[in-house]
C-alpha atoms as a PDB file:
ATOM      1  CA  MET A   1     -10.830  19.161  -1.269  1.00  0.00           C
ATOM      2  CA  GLN A   2     -10.001  18.516   2.359  1.00  0.00           C
ATOM      3  CA  ASP A   3      -6.417  17.725   3.261  1.00  0.00           C
ATOM      4  CA  ALA A   4      -6.270  14.074   4.343  1.00  0.00           C
ATOM      5  CA  ARG A   5      -2.863  14.543   5.999  1.00  0.00           C
ATOM      6  CA  SER A   6      -4.565  16.137   8.997  1.00  0.00           C
ATOM      7  CA  TYR A   7      -6.027  12.748   9.955  1.00  0.00           C
ATOM      8  CA  THR A   8      -3.921  10.283  11.891  1.00  0.00           C
ATOM      9  CA  ARG A   9      -6.408   7.415  11.715  1.00  0.00           C
ATOM     10  CA  LEU A  10      -8.378   7.654   8.505  1.00  0.00           C
ATOM     11  CA  TRP A  11     -10.465   4.938   6.888  1.00  0.00           C
ATOM     12  CA  LEU A  12     -11.859   5.848   3.469  1.00  0.00           C
ATOM     13  CA  PHE A  13     -14.562   4.066   1.557  1.00  0.00           C
ATOM     14  CA  TRP A  14     -16.309   4.573  -1.735  1.00  0.00           C
ATOM     15  CA  PRO A  15     -19.041   4.696  -2.874  1.00  0.00           C
ATOM     16  CA  ASP A  16     -21.223   6.020  -0.089  1.00  0.00           C
ATOM     17  CA  TYR A  17     -24.483   4.096  -0.166  1.00  0.00           C
ATOM     18  CA  SER A  18     -25.302   4.793   3.488  1.00  0.00           C
ATOM     19  CA  ALA A  19     -28.488   6.714   2.621  1.00  0.00           C
ATOM     20  CA  GLU A  20     -29.964   3.591   0.982  1.00  0.00           C
ATOM     21  CA  ASN A  21     -28.013   0.814   2.687  1.00  0.00           C
ATOM     22  CA  PRO A  22     -28.525   0.366   6.450  1.00  0.00           C
ATOM     23  CA  LEU A  23     -25.707  -2.191   6.612  1.00  0.00           C
ATOM     24  CA  GLN A  24     -23.177   0.404   5.499  1.00  0.00           C
ATOM     25  CA  ARG A  25     -24.352   2.729   8.291  1.00  0.00           C
ATOM     26  CA  MET A  26     -23.977  -0.114  10.808  1.00  0.00           C
ATOM     27  CA  VAL A  27     -20.425  -0.836   9.659  1.00  0.00           C
ATOM     28  CA  ARG A  28     -19.473   2.833   9.978  1.00  0.00           C
ATOM     29  CA  ARG A  29     -20.819   2.960  13.545  1.00  0.00           C
ATOM     30  CA  ALA A  30     -18.920  -0.218  14.497  1.00  0.00           C
ATOM     31  CA  PHE A  31     -15.491   1.371  14.077  1.00  0.00           C
ATOM     32  CA  PRO A  32     -13.706   2.350  17.295  1.00  0.00           C
ATOM     33  CA  PRO A  33     -13.725   5.928  18.567  1.00  0.00           C
ATOM     34  CA  GLY A  34     -10.910   8.069  17.254  1.00  0.00           C
ATOM     35  CA  LEU A  35     -11.014   6.558  13.777  1.00  0.00           C
ATOM     36  CA  ASP A  36     -12.142   9.020  11.140  1.00  0.00           C
ATOM     37  CA  VAL A  37     -14.439   7.083   8.787  1.00  0.00           C
ATOM     38  CA  ARG A  38     -15.536   8.973   5.722  1.00  0.00           C
ATOM     39  CA  SER A  39     -16.537   8.567   2.135  1.00  0.00           C
ATOM     40  CA  GLY A  40     -13.950   9.847  -0.262  1.00  0.00           C
ATOM     41  CA  GLY A  41     -13.274   9.727  -3.922  1.00  0.00           C
ATOM     42  CA  LEU A  42     -10.024   8.940  -5.633  1.00  0.00           C
ATOM     43  CA  ASP A  43      -8.691  12.470  -5.087  1.00  0.00           C
ATOM     44  CA  LEU A  44      -8.829  12.129  -1.285  1.00  0.00           C
ATOM     45  CA  VAL A  45      -7.369   8.632  -1.389  1.00  0.00           C
ATOM     46  CA  LEU A  46      -4.378   9.845  -3.400  1.00  0.00           C
ATOM     47  CA  VAL A  47      -3.739  12.665  -0.927  1.00  0.00           C
ATOM     48  CA  ALA A  48      -4.008  10.253   2.011  1.00  0.00           C
ATOM     49  CA  LEU A  49      -1.454   7.906   0.444  1.00  0.00           C
ATOM     50  CA  ARG A  50       1.200  10.609   0.058  1.00  0.00           C
END
């Protein structure tokens, strides 16, 4: 598991349907530069909230 504390601007989403859903890919690309947008399960969310 990657340590979420290393990210200063992290936006997590779940589930990752971007392979089948073009709208999810478009939303990910619309975020401003410098924001780390990634799919993460509950384990990464809990680390990010600490």
